[in-house]
């Protein structure tokens, strides 16, 4: 039984490394997605402002 207890931490180490790598990759993906969504929102806001300004001038 002592051998099983000694091996257990070694079994968890690769899983921990895998999770850290997965989370780092996921964080990078979400950071990129967040930047793209912010750019889209900014572009839409600019278009909305242009439409409103155009309506005010032509209104």
C-alpha atoms as a PDB file:
ATOM      1  CA  UNK A   1       0.000   0.000   0.000  1.00  0.00           C
ATOM      2  CA  UNK A   2       2.811   2.418   0.698  1.00  0.00           C
ATOM      3  CA  UNK A   3       3.970   2.101  -2.918  1.00  0.00           C
ATOM      4  CA  UNK A   4       0.555   3.220  -4.172  1.00  0.00           C
ATOM      5  CA  UNK A   5       0.602   6.254  -1.896  1.00  0.00           C
ATOM      6  CA  UNK A   6       4.075   7.186  -3.084  1.00  0.00           C
ATOM      7  CA  UNK A   7       3.068   6.890  -6.763  1.00  0.00           C
ATOM      8  CA  UNK A   8      -0.079   8.981  -6.332  1.00  0.00           C
ATOM      9  CA  UNK A   9       1.603  12.420  -6.345  1.00  0.00           C
ATOM     10  CA  UNK A  10       3.493  11.462  -9.514  1.00  0.00           C
ATOM     11  CA  UNK A  11       0.169  10.611 -11.189  1.00  0.00           C
ATOM     12  CA  UNK A  12      -1.229  14.031 -10.318  1.00  0.00           C
ATOM     13  CA  UNK A  13       1.754  15.986 -11.594  1.00  0.00           C
ATOM     14  CA  UNK A  14       1.202  15.340 -15.338  1.00  0.00           C
ATOM     15  CA  UNK A  15      -2.500  16.134 -14.896  1.00  0.00           C
ATOM     16  CA  UNK A  16      -1.617  19.408 -13.179  1.00  0.00           C
ATOM     17  CA  UNK A  17       0.819  20.314 -15.946  1.00  0.00           C
ATOM     18  CA  UNK A  18      -1.795  19.426 -18.538  1.00  0.00           C
ATOM     19  CA  UNK A  19      -4.388  21.612 -16.810  1.00  0.00           C
ATOM     20  CA  UNK A  20      -1.993  24.540 -16.535  1.00  0.00           C
ATOM     21  CA  UNK A  21      -1.118  24.254 -20.226  1.00  0.00           C
ATOM     22  CA  UNK A  22      -4.796  23.947 -21.142  1.00  0.00           C
ATOM     23  CA  UNK A  23      -5.718  26.993 -19.063  1.00  0.00           C
ATOM     24  CA  UNK A  24      -2.860  29.061 -20.509  1.00  0.00           C
ATOM     25  CA  UNK A  25      -3.998  28.156 -24.036  1.00  0.00           C
ATOM     26  CA  UNK A  26      -7.638  28.856 -23.171  1.00  0.00           C
ATOM     27  CA  UNK A  27      -6.692  32.210 -21.659  1.00  0.00           C
ATOM     28  CA  UNK A  28      -4.791  33.169 -24.815  1.00  0.00           C
ATOM     29  CA  UNK A  29      -7.744  32.132 -26.995  1.00  0.00           C
ATOM     30  CA  UNK A  30     -10.238  34.075 -24.903  1.00  0.00           C
ATOM     31  CA  UNK A  31      -7.976  37.129 -24.781  1.00  0.00           C
ATOM     32  CA  UNK A  32      -7.792  37.098 -28.593  1.00  0.00           C
ATOM     33  CA  UNK A  33     -11.553  36.613 -28.885  1.00  0.00           C
ATOM     34  CA  UNK A  34     -12.158  39.446 -26.417  1.00  0.00           C
ATOM     35  CA  UNK A  35      -9.951  41.799 -28.445  1.00  0.00           C
ATOM     36  CA  UNK A  36     -11.798  40.913 -31.653  1.00  0.00           C
ATOM     37  CA  UNK A  37     -15.191  41.470 -30.015  1.00  0.00           C
ATOM     38  CA  UNK A  38     -14.075  44.827 -28.616  1.00  0.00           C
ATOM     39  CA  UNK A  39     -12.961  45.872 -32.110  1.00  0.00           C
ATOM     40  CA  UNK A  40     -16.324  44.834 -33.581  1.00  0.00           C
ATOM     41  CA  UNK A  41     -18.229  46.740 -30.882  1.00  0.00           C
ATOM     42  CA  UNK A  42     -16.091  49.827 -31.419  1.00  0.00           C
ATOM     43  CA  UNK A  43     -16.688  49.662 -35.178  1.00  0.00           C
ATOM     44  CA  UNK A  44     -20.445  49.307 -34.670  1.00  0.00           C
ATOM     45  CA  UNK A  45     -20.487  52.214 -32.213  1.00  0.00           C
ATOM     46  CA  UNK A  46     -18.666  54.400 -34.741  1.00  0.00           C
ATOM     47  CA  UNK A  47     -21.172  53.445 -37.450  1.00  0.00           C
ATOM     48  CA  UNK A  48     -24.055  54.172 -35.062  1.00  0.00           C
ATOM     49  CA  UNK A  49     -22.608  57.596 -34.225  1.00  0.00           C
ATOM     50  CA  UNK A  50     -22.154  58.388 -37.924  1.00  0.00           C
ATOM     51  CA  UNK A  51     -25.784  57.424 -38.580  1.00  0.00           C
ATOM     52  CA  UNK A  52     -26.980  59.634 -35.729  1.00  0.00           C
ATOM     53  CA  UNK A  53     -24.854  62.570 -36.876  1.00  0.00           C
ATOM     54  CA  UNK A  54     -26.163  62.113 -40.423  1.00  0.00           C
ATOM     55  CA  UNK A  55     -29.773  62.123 -39.158  1.00  0.00           C
ATOM     56  CA  UNK A  56     -29.136  65.289 -37.150  1.00  0.00           C
ATOM     57  CA  UNK A  57     -27.666  67.088 -40.161  1.00  0.00           C
ATOM     58  CA  UNK A  58     -30.362  65.869 -42.571  1.00  0.00           C
ATOM     59  CA  UNK A  59     -33.185  65.826 -40.004  1.00  0.00           C
END
